[in-house]
Amino acid sequence: MSVYEERKQELERYEFMMGRERGRLAVTLDCITDALVLVGQHGVYCQSVRQLGKPAMDIQMITKSLTDAKELISSVLEAKPATETGTSSAPPQSP
């Protein structure tokens, strides 16, 4: 089953509220959040031998990548569309 079938209601709701592209990005953000939750739960059971109390290194790397992806997607969702500002929108710059 494709993601369009599995998440049909979510896609319809977000696309109606935000437009097609931003709606799909919002659903993508939800998918990544779901993956982060599962990785976090797995990290509880896969503890690092070198760093007590921390997840295994591969779990830490997956969590970092998913968190980075969420940040990038969020910056696109927060940016004003070019049609509203009259120029292209760039993601916010971090200091």
PDB file of N, CA and C in Angstrom:
ATOM      1  N   MET A   1       0.841  -1.166   0.000  1.00  0.00           N
ATOM      2  CA  MET A   1       0.000   0.000   0.000  1.00  0.00           C
ATOM      3  C   MET A   1       0.899   1.246   0.000  1.00  0.00           C
ATOM      4  N   SER A   2       0.571   2.212  -0.829  1.00  0.00           N
ATOM      5  CA  SER A   2       1.405   3.415  -0.933  1.00  0.00           C
ATOM      6  C   SER A   2       1.090   4.403   0.191  1.00  0.00           C
ATOM      7  N   VAL A   3       2.004   5.318   0.403  1.00  0.00           N
ATOM      8  CA  VAL A   3       1.835   6.333   1.443  1.00  0.00           C
ATOM      9  C   VAL A   3       0.605   7.197   1.148  1.00  0.00           C
ATOM     10  N   TYR A   4       0.290   7.369  -0.126  1.00  0.00           N
ATOM     11  CA  TYR A   4      -0.868   8.178  -0.495  1.00  0.00           C
ATOM     12  C   TYR A   4      -2.174   7.510  -0.075  1.00  0.00           C
ATOM     13  N   GLU A   5      -2.178   6.188  -0.064  1.00  0.00           N
ATOM     14  CA  GLU A   5      -3.356   5.448   0.396  1.00  0.00           C
ATOM     15  C   GLU A   5      -3.386   5.357   1.917  1.00  0.00           C
ATOM     16  N   GLU A   6      -2.223   5.054   2.505  1.00  0.00           N
ATOM     17  CA  GLU A   6      -2.137   4.892   3.959  1.00  0.00           C
ATOM     18  C   GLU A   6      -2.460   6.177   4.710  1.00  0.00           C
ATOM     19  N   ARG A   7      -2.024   7.292   4.193  1.00  0.00           N
ATOM     20  CA  ARG A   7      -2.189   8.575   4.885  1.00  0.00           C
ATOM     21  C   ARG A   7      -3.118   9.519   4.127  1.00  0.00           C
ATOM     22  N   LYS A   8      -4.093   8.935   3.452  1.00  0.00           N
ATOM     23  CA  LYS A   8      -5.010   9.699   2.608  1.00  0.00           C
ATOM     24  C   LYS A   8      -5.722  10.811   3.374  1.00  0.00           C
ATOM     25  N   GLN A   9      -6.255  10.494   4.538  1.00  0.00           N
ATOM     26  CA  GLN A   9      -6.987  11.506   5.312  1.00  0.00           C
ATOM     27  C   GLN A   9      -6.079  12.638   5.773  1.00  0.00           C
ATOM     28  N   GLU A  10      -4.901  12.286   6.254  1.00  0.00           N
ATOM     29  CA  GLU A  10      -3.945  13.313   6.684  1.00  0.00           C
ATOM     30  C   GLU A  10      -3.550  14.207   5.513  1.00  0.00           C
ATOM     31  N   LEU A  11      -3.245  13.582   4.375  1.00  0.00           N
ATOM     32  CA  LEU A  11      -2.854  14.343   3.196  1.00  0.00           C
ATOM     33  C   LEU A  11      -3.964  15.304   2.776  1.00  0.00           C
ATOM     34  N   GLU A  12      -5.179  14.820   2.733  1.00  0.00           N
ATOM     35  CA  GLU A  12      -6.302  15.675   2.341  1.00  0.00           C
ATOM     36  C   GLU A  12      -6.457  16.848   3.296  1.00  0.00           C
ATOM     37  N   ARG A  13      -6.367  16.571   4.585  1.00  0.00           N
ATOM     38  CA  ARG A  13      -6.554  17.626   5.586  1.00  0.00           C
ATOM     39  C   ARG A  13      -5.458  18.683   5.481  1.00  0.00           C
ATOM     40  N   TYR A  14      -4.194  18.245   5.462  1.00  0.00           N
ATOM     41  CA  TYR A  14      -3.086  19.196   5.413  1.00  0.00           C
ATOM     42  C   TYR A  14      -3.015  19.923   4.067  1.00  0.00           C
ATOM     43  N   GLU A  15      -3.289  19.218   2.965  1.00  0.00           N
ATOM     44  CA  GLU A  15      -3.264  19.875   1.658  1.00  0.00           C
ATOM     45  C   GLU A  15      -4.362  20.927   1.562  1.00  0.00           C
ATOM     46  N   PHE A  16      -5.498  20.666   2.163  1.00  0.00           N
ATOM     47  CA  PHE A  16      -6.577  21.653   2.177  1.00  0.00           C
ATOM     48  C   PHE A  16      -6.178  22.883   2.991  1.00  0.00           C
ATOM     49  N   MET A  17      -5.537  22.660   4.143  1.00  0.00           N
ATOM     50  CA  MET A  17      -5.161  23.772   5.024  1.00  0.00           C
ATOM     51  C   MET A  17      -3.965  24.558   4.501  1.00  0.00           C
ATOM     52  N   MET A  18      -2.980  23.874   3.902  1.00  0.00           N
ATOM     53  CA  MET A  18      -1.703  24.516   3.594  1.00  0.00           C
ATOM     54  C   MET A  18      -1.346  24.557   2.119  1.00  0.00           C
ATOM     55  N   GLY A  19      -2.120  23.924   1.291  1.00  0.00           N
ATOM     56  CA  GLY A  19      -1.742  23.779  -0.111  1.00  0.00           C
ATOM     57  C   GLY A  19      -1.061  22.438  -0.323  1.00  0.00           C
ATOM     58  N   ARG A  20      -0.947  22.057  -1.585  1.00  0.00           N
ATOM     59  CA  ARG A  20      -0.433  20.718  -1.906  1.00  0.00           C
ATOM     60  C   ARG A  20       0.983  20.483  -1.387  1.00  0.00           C
ATOM     61  N   GLU A  21       1.918  21.369  -1.741  1.00  0.00           N
ATOM     62  CA  GLU A  21       3.324  21.129  -1.389  1.00  0.00           C
ATOM     63  C   GLU A  21       3.537  21.177   0.118  1.00  0.00           C
ATOM     64  N   ARG A  22       3.055  22.223   0.754  1.00  0.00           N
ATOM     65  CA  ARG A  22       3.249  22.348   2.200  1.00  0.00           C
ATOM     66  C   ARG A  22       2.481  21.281   2.960  1.00  0.00           C
ATOM     67  N   GLY A  23       1.325  20.899   2.466  1.00  0.00           N
ATOM     68  CA  GLY A  23       0.561  19.827   3.099  1.00  0.00           C
ATOM     69  C   GLY A  23       1.321  18.516   3.088  1.00  0.00           C
ATOM     70  N   ARG A  24       1.947  18.228   1.966  1.00  0.00           N
ATOM     71  CA  ARG A  24       2.739  16.994   1.865  1.00  0.00           C
ATOM     72  C   ARG A  24       3.974  17.065   2.762  1.00  0.00           C
ATOM     73  N   LEU A  25       4.575  18.240   2.852  1.00  0.00           N
ATOM     74  CA  LEU A  25       5.705  18.386   3.764  1.00  0.00           C
ATOM     75  C   LEU A  25       5.266  18.197   5.213  1.00  0.00           C
ATOM     76  N   ALA A  26       4.074  18.669   5.554  1.00  0.00           N
ATOM     77  CA  ALA A  26       3.573  18.501   6.922  1.00  0.00           C
ATOM     78  C   ALA A  26       3.356  17.025   7.235  1.00  0.00           C
ATOM     79  N   VAL A  27       2.836  16.272   6.279  1.00  0.00           N
ATOM     80  CA  VAL A  27       2.653  14.833   6.490  1.00  0.00           C
ATOM     81  C   VAL A  27       4.015  14.140   6.569  1.00  0.00           C
ATOM     82  N   THR A  28       4.965  14.602   5.768  1.00  0.00           N
ATOM     83  CA  THR A  28       6.329  14.068   5.833  1.00  0.00           C
ATOM     84  C   THR A  28       6.919  14.298   7.215  1.00  0.00           C
ATOM     85  N   LEU A  29       6.687  15.471   7.764  1.00  0.00           N
ATOM     86  CA  LEU A  29       7.162  15.787   9.108  1.00  0.00           C
ATOM     87  C   LEU A  29       6.546  14.833  10.131  1.00  0.00           C
ATOM     88  N   ASP A  30       5.270  14.531   9.974  1.00  0.00           N
ATOM     89  CA  ASP A  30       4.619  13.561  10.863  1.00  0.00           C
ATOM     90  C   ASP A  30       5.248  12.173  10.738  1.00  0.00           C
ATOM     91  N   CYS A  31       5.570  11.762   9.509  1.00  0.00           N
ATOM     92  CA  CYS A  31       6.215  10.457   9.289  1.00  0.00           C
ATOM     93  C   CYS A  31       7.577  10.400   9.977  1.00  0.00           C
ATOM     94  N   ILE A  32       8.336  11.472   9.850  1.00  0.00           N
ATOM     95  CA  ILE A  32       9.655  11.520  10.480  1.00  0.00           C
ATOM     96  C   ILE A  32       9.521  11.504  11.998  1.00  0.00           C
ATOM     97  N   THR A  33       8.524  12.210  12.518  1.00  0.00           N
ATOM     98  CA  THR A  33       8.290  12.206  13.958  1.00  0.00           C
ATOM     99  C   THR A  33       7.953  10.795  14.439  1.00  0.00           C
ATOM    100  N   ASP A  34       7.122  10.085  13.685  1.00  0.00           N
ATOM    101  CA  ASP A  34       6.804   8.695  14.032  1.00  0.00           C
ATOM    102  C   ASP A  34       8.067   7.834  14.055  1.00  0.00           C
ATOM    103  N   ALA A  35       8.941   8.032  13.066  1.00  0.00           N
ATOM    104  CA  ALA A  35      10.193   7.268  13.011  1.00  0.00           C
ATOM    105  C   ALA A  35      11.089   7.610  14.201  1.00  0.00           C
ATOM    106  N   LEU A  36      11.120   8.883  14.586  1.00  0.00           N
ATOM    107  CA  LEU A  36      11.924   9.285  15.749  1.00  0.00           C
ATOM    108  C   LEU A  36      11.431   8.619  17.025  1.00  0.00           C
ATOM    109  N   VAL A  37      10.137   8.502  17.166  1.00  0.00           N
ATOM    110  CA  VAL A  37       9.564   7.848  18.349  1.00  0.00           C
ATOM    111  C   VAL A  37       9.996   6.385  18.392  1.00  0.00           C
ATOM    112  N   LEU A  38       9.908   5.704  17.253  1.00  0.00           N
ATOM    113  CA  LEU A  38      10.304   4.292  17.205  1.00  0.00           C
ATOM    114  C   LEU A  38      11.792   4.110  17.473  1.00  0.00           C
ATOM    115  N   VAL A  39      12.613   4.986  16.896  1.00  0.00           N
ATOM    116  CA  VAL A  39      14.061   4.914  17.136  1.00  0.00           C
ATOM    117  C   VAL A  39      14.357   5.191  18.604  1.00  0.00           C
ATOM    118  N   GLY A  40      13.651   6.143  19.191  1.00  0.00           N
ATOM    119  CA  GLY A  40      13.842   6.450  20.607  1.00  0.00           C
ATOM    120  C   GLY A  40      13.511   5.267  21.498  1.00  0.00           C
ATOM    121  N   GLN A  41      12.409   4.583  21.169  1.00  0.00           N
ATOM    122  CA  GLN A  41      12.040   3.399  21.944  1.00  0.00           C
ATOM    123  C   GLN A  41      13.097   2.308  21.794  1.00  0.00           C
ATOM    124  N   HIS A  42      13.614   2.149  20.591  1.00  0.00           N
ATOM    125  CA  HIS A  42      14.651   1.149  20.352  1.00  0.00           C
ATOM    126  C   HIS A  42      15.931   1.515  21.107  1.00  0.00           C
ATOM    127  N   GLY A  43      16.220   2.814  21.168  1.00  0.00           N
ATOM    128  CA  GLY A  43      17.413   3.288  21.859  1.00  0.00           C
ATOM    129  C   GLY A  43      17.414   2.980  23.342  1.00  0.00           C
ATOM    130  N   VAL A  44      16.235   2.822  23.928  1.00  0.00           N
ATOM    131  CA  VAL A  44      16.143   2.471  25.351  1.00  0.00           C
ATOM    132  C   VAL A  44      16.730   1.076  25.583  1.00  0.00           C
ATOM    133  N   TYR A  45      16.535   0.189  24.618  1.00  0.00           N
ATOM    134  CA  TYR A  45      16.993  -1.188  24.777  1.00  0.00           C
ATOM    135  C   TYR A  45      18.376  -1.435  24.198  1.00  0.00           C
ATOM    136  N   CYS A  46      18.825  -0.608  23.286  1.00  0.00           N
ATOM    137  CA  CYS A  46      20.152  -0.757  22.686  1.00  0.00           C
ATOM    138  C   CYS A  46      21.077   0.304  23.266  1.00  0.00           C
ATOM    139  N   GLN A  47      21.626   0.026  24.407  1.00  0.00           N
ATOM    140  CA  GLN A  47      22.493   0.976  25.096  1.00  0.00           C
ATOM    141  C   GLN A  47      23.927   0.846  24.620  1.00  0.00           C
ATOM    142  N   SER A  48      24.627   1.964  24.615  1.00  0.00           N
ATOM    143  CA  SER A  48      26.030   2.000  24.229  1.00  0.00           C
ATOM    144  C   SER A  48      26.884   1.375  25.333  1.00  0.00           C
ATOM    145  N   VAL A  49      27.861   0.601  24.937  1.00  0.00           N
ATOM    146  CA  VAL A  49      28.783  -0.007  25.890  1.00  0.00           C
ATOM    147  C   VAL A  49      29.775   1.045  26.381  1.00  0.00           C
ATOM    148  N   ARG A  50      30.163   1.950  25.495  1.00  0.00           N
ATOM    149  CA  ARG A  50      31.152   2.978  25.831  1.00  0.00           C
ATOM    150  C   ARG A  50      30.561   4.161  26.588  1.00  0.00           C
ATOM    151  N   GLN A  51      29.319   4.507  26.282  1.00  0.00           N
ATOM    152  CA  GLN A  51      28.670   5.656  26.908  1.00  0.00           C
ATOM    153  C   GLN A  51      27.439   5.171  27.666  1.00  0.00           C
ATOM    154  N   LEU A  52      27.631   4.866  28.914  1.00  0.00           N
ATOM    155  CA  LEU A  52      26.537   4.328  29.704  1.00  0.00           C
ATOM    156  C   LEU A  52      25.378   5.331  29.766  1.00  0.00           C
ATOM    157  N   GLY A  53      24.169   4.810  29.622  1.00  0.00           N
ATOM    158  CA  GLY A  53      22.978   5.647  29.674  1.00  0.00           C
ATOM    159  C   GLY A  53      22.610   6.307  28.355  1.00  0.00           C
ATOM    160  N   LYS A  54      23.417   6.069  27.312  1.00  0.00           N
ATOM    161  CA  LYS A  54      23.130   6.627  25.992  1.00  0.00           C
ATOM    162  C   LYS A  54      22.826   5.492  25.029  1.00  0.00           C
ATOM    163  N   PRO A  55      22.033   5.783  23.998  1.00  0.00           N
ATOM    164  CA  PRO A  55      21.763   4.749  22.990  1.00  0.00           C
ATOM    165  C   PRO A  55      23.034   4.381  22.226  1.00  0.00           C
ATOM    166  N   ALA A  56      22.994   3.241  21.565  1.00  0.00           N
ATOM    167  CA  ALA A  56      24.121   2.808  20.734  1.00  0.00           C
ATOM    168  C   ALA A  56      24.420   3.875  19.685  1.00  0.00           C
ATOM    169  N   MET A  57      25.640   3.907  19.194  1.00  0.00           N
ATOM    170  CA  MET A  57      26.077   4.954  18.273  1.00  0.00           C
ATOM    171  C   MET A  57      25.219   5.011  17.010  1.00  0.00           C
ATOM    172  N   ASP A  58      24.835   3.857  16.454  1.00  0.00           N
ATOM    173  CA  ASP A  58      24.016   3.896  15.243  1.00  0.00           C
ATOM    174  C   ASP A  58      22.649   4.529  15.526  1.00  0.00           C
ATOM    175  N   ILE A  59      22.096   4.278  16.694  1.00  0.00           N
ATOM    176  CA  ILE A  59      20.816   4.880  17.076  1.00  0.00           C
ATOM    177  C   ILE A  59      20.990   6.396  17.228  1.00  0.00           C
ATOM    178  N   GLN A  60      22.102   6.824  17.793  1.00  0.00           N
ATOM    179  CA  GLN A  60      22.373   8.259  17.929  1.00  0.00           C
ATOM    180  C   GLN A  60      22.491   8.916  16.550  1.00  0.00           C
ATOM    181  N   MET A  61      23.129   8.244  15.605  1.00  0.00           N
ATOM    182  CA  MET A  61      23.303   8.796  14.261  1.00  0.00           C
ATOM    183  C   MET A  61      21.965   8.874  13.522  1.00  0.00           C
ATOM    184  N   ILE A  62      21.133   7.854  13.665  1.00  0.00           N
ATOM    185  CA  ILE A  62      19.814   7.863  13.029  1.00  0.00           C
ATOM    186  C   ILE A  62      18.966   8.977  13.618  1.00  0.00           C
ATOM    187  N   THR A  63      18.996   9.114  14.941  1.00  0.00           N
ATOM    188  CA  THR A  63      18.233  10.166  15.603  1.00  0.00           C
ATOM    189  C   THR A  63      18.684  11.542  15.129  1.00  0.00           C
ATOM    190  N   LYS A  64      19.986  11.748  15.003  1.00  0.00           N
ATOM    191  CA  LYS A  64      20.518  13.040  14.538  1.00  0.00           C
ATOM    192  C   LYS A  64      20.063  13.327  13.114  1.00  0.00           C
ATOM    193  N   SER A  65      20.129  12.338  12.237  1.00  0.00           N
ATOM    194  CA  SER A  65      19.721  12.535  10.843  1.00  0.00           C
ATOM    195  C   SER A  65      18.238  12.867  10.739  1.00  0.00           C
ATOM    196  N   LEU A  66      17.412  12.158  11.492  1.00  0.00           N
ATOM    197  CA  LEU A  66      15.973  12.426  11.467  1.00  0.00           C
ATOM    198  C   LEU A  66      15.651  13.803  12.042  1.00  0.00           C
ATOM    199  N   THR A  67      16.340  14.176  13.101  1.00  0.00           N
ATOM    200  CA  THR A  67      16.136  15.494  13.702  1.00  0.00           C
ATOM    201  C   THR A  67      16.561  16.594  12.733  1.00  0.00           C
ATOM    202  N   ASP A  68      17.671  16.396  12.035  1.00  0.00           N
ATOM    203  CA  ASP A  68      18.124  17.371  11.036  1.00  0.00           C
ATOM    204  C   ASP A  68      17.106  17.498   9.902  1.00  0.00           C
ATOM    205  N   ALA A  69      16.572  16.366   9.449  1.00  0.00           N
ATOM    206  CA  ALA A  69      15.572  16.388   8.382  1.00  0.00           C
ATOM    207  C   ALA A  69      14.325  17.146   8.826  1.00  0.00           C
ATOM    208  N   LYS A  70      13.903  16.926  10.068  1.00  0.00           N
ATOM    209  CA  LYS A  70      12.747  17.654  10.595  1.00  0.00           C
ATOM    210  C   LYS A  70      13.002  19.153  10.613  1.00  0.00           C
ATOM    211  N   GLU A  71      14.198  19.541  11.004  1.00  0.00           N
ATOM    212  CA  GLU A  71      14.541  20.972  11.058  1.00  0.00           C
ATOM    213  C   GLU A  71      14.491  21.602   9.668  1.00  0.00           C
ATOM    214  N   LEU A  72      15.016  20.897   8.670  1.00  0.00           N
ATOM    215  CA  LEU A  72      14.994  21.412   7.306  1.00  0.00           C
ATOM    216  C   LEU A  72      13.566  21.540   6.777  1.00  0.00           C
ATOM    217  N   ILE A  73      12.761  20.540   7.006  1.00  0.00           N
ATOM    218  CA  ILE A  73      11.373  20.576   6.551  1.00  0.00           C
ATOM    219  C   ILE A  73      10.602  21.674   7.272  1.00  0.00           C
ATOM    220  N   SER A  74      10.834  21.804   8.562  1.00  0.00           N
ATOM    221  CA  SER A  74      10.158  22.857   9.333  1.00  0.00           C
ATOM    222  C   SER A  74      10.506  24.238   8.808  1.00  0.00           C
ATOM    223  N   SER A  75      11.768  24.443   8.415  1.00  0.00           N
ATOM    224  CA  SER A  75      12.166  25.754   7.905  1.00  0.00           C
ATOM    225  C   SER A  75      11.431  26.083   6.608  1.00  0.00           C
ATOM    226  N   VAL A  76      11.167  25.080   5.779  1.00  0.00           N
ATOM    227  CA  VAL A  76      10.422  25.311   4.546  1.00  0.00           C
ATOM    228  C   VAL A  76       8.966  25.635   4.873  1.00  0.00           C
ATOM    229  N   LEU A  77       8.396  24.918   5.816  1.00  0.00           N
ATOM    230  CA  LEU A  77       7.002  25.166   6.184  1.00  0.00           C
ATOM    231  C   LEU A  77       6.815  26.544   6.820  1.00  0.00           C
ATOM    232  N   GLU A  78       7.819  27.015   7.557  1.00  0.00           N
ATOM    233  CA  GLU A  78       7.721  28.307   8.225  1.00  0.00           C
ATOM    234  C   GLU A  78       7.993  29.480   7.299  1.00  0.00           C
ATOM    235  N   ALA A  79       8.730  29.245   6.208  1.00  0.00           N
ATOM    236  CA  ALA A  79       9.072  30.317   5.273  1.00  0.00           C
ATOM    237  C   ALA A  79       7.818  30.760   4.523  1.00  0.00           C
ATOM    238  N   LYS A  80       7.742  32.057   4.230  1.00  0.00           N
ATOM    239  CA  LYS A  80       6.615  32.582   3.464  1.00  0.00           C
ATOM    240  C   LYS A  80       6.822  32.225   2.002  1.00  0.00           C
ATOM    241  N   PRO A  81       5.746  31.839   1.314  1.00  0.00           N
ATOM    242  CA  PRO A  81       5.871  31.532  -0.116  1.00  0.00           C
ATOM    243  C   PRO A  81       6.330  32.753  -0.905  1.00  0.00           C
ATOM    244  N   ALA A  82       7.016  32.542  -2.012  1.00  0.00           N
ATOM    245  CA  ALA A  82       7.537  33.626  -2.836  1.00  0.00           C
ATOM    246  C   ALA A  82       6.415  34.533  -3.333  1.00  0.00           C
ATOM    247  N   THR A  83       5.238  33.995  -3.567  1.00  0.00           N
ATOM    248  CA  THR A  83       4.128  34.804  -4.064  1.00  0.00           C
ATOM    249  C   THR A  83       3.654  35.809  -3.027  1.00  0.00           C
ATOM    250  N   GLU A  84       3.817  35.516  -1.752  1.00  0.00           N
ATOM    251  CA  GLU A  84       3.407  36.441  -0.700  1.00  0.00           C
ATOM    252  C   GLU A  84       4.411  37.566  -0.517  1.00  0.00           C
ATOM    253  N   THR A  85       5.695  37.267  -0.646  1.00  0.00           N
ATOM    254  CA  THR A  85       6.730  38.258  -0.371  1.00  0.00           C
ATOM    255  C   THR A  85       7.225  38.958  -1.622  1.00  0.00           C
ATOM    256  N   GLY A  86       6.975  38.372  -2.783  1.00  0.00           N
ATOM    257  CA  GLY A  86       7.455  38.959  -4.017  1.00  0.00           C
ATOM    258  C   GLY A  86       8.873  38.543  -4.372  1.00  0.00           C
ATOM    259  N   THR A  87       9.535  37.820  -3.489  1.00  0.00           N
ATOM    260  CA  THR A  87      10.879  37.298  -3.746  1.00  0.00           C
ATOM    261  C   THR A  87      10.933  35.844  -3.317  1.00  0.00           C
ATOM    262  N   SER A  88      12.005  35.196  -3.656  1.00  0.00           N
ATOM    263  CA  SER A  88      12.149  33.813  -3.207  1.00  0.00           C
ATOM    264  C   SER A  88      12.440  33.795  -1.716  1.00  0.00           C
ATOM    265  N   SER A  89      11.904  32.796  -1.053  1.00  0.00           N
ATOM    266  CA  SER A  89      12.130  32.700   0.394  1.00  0.00           C
ATOM    267  C   SER A  89      13.284  31.774   0.678  1.00  0.00           C
ATOM    268  N   ALA A  90      14.127  32.184   1.570  1.00  0.00           N
ATOM    269  CA  ALA A  90      15.285  31.376   1.954  1.00  0.00           C
ATOM    270  C   ALA A  90      15.070  30.896   3.373  1.00  0.00           C
ATOM    271  N   PRO A  91      15.585  29.708   3.701  1.00  0.00           N
ATOM    272  CA  PRO A  91      15.441  29.215   5.071  1.00  0.00           C
ATOM    273  C   PRO A  91      16.201  30.120   6.045  1.00  0.00           C
ATOM    274  N   PRO A  92      15.741  30.154   7.287  1.00  0.00           N
ATOM    275  CA  PRO A  92      16.428  30.992   8.260  1.00  0.00           C
ATOM    276  C   PRO A  92      17.863  30.550   8.476  1.00  0.00           C
ATOM    277  N   GLN A  93      18.750  31.492   8.643  1.00  0.00           N
ATOM    278  CA  GLN A  93      20.159  31.207   8.869  1.00  0.00           C
ATOM    279  C   GLN A  93      20.426  31.101  10.354  1.00  0.00           C
ATOM    280  N   SER A  94      21.183  30.103  10.741  1.00  0.00           N
ATOM    281  CA  SER A  94      21.545  29.978  12.147  1.00  0.00           C
ATOM    282  C   SER A  94      22.874  30.690  12.378  1.00  0.00           C
ATOM    283  N   PRO A  95      23.031  31.304  13.539  1.00  0.00           N
ATOM    284  CA  PRO A  95      24.265  32.068  13.818  1.00  0.00           C
ATOM    285  C   PRO A  95      25.467  31.189  13.993  1.00  0.00           C
TER     286      PRO A  95
END
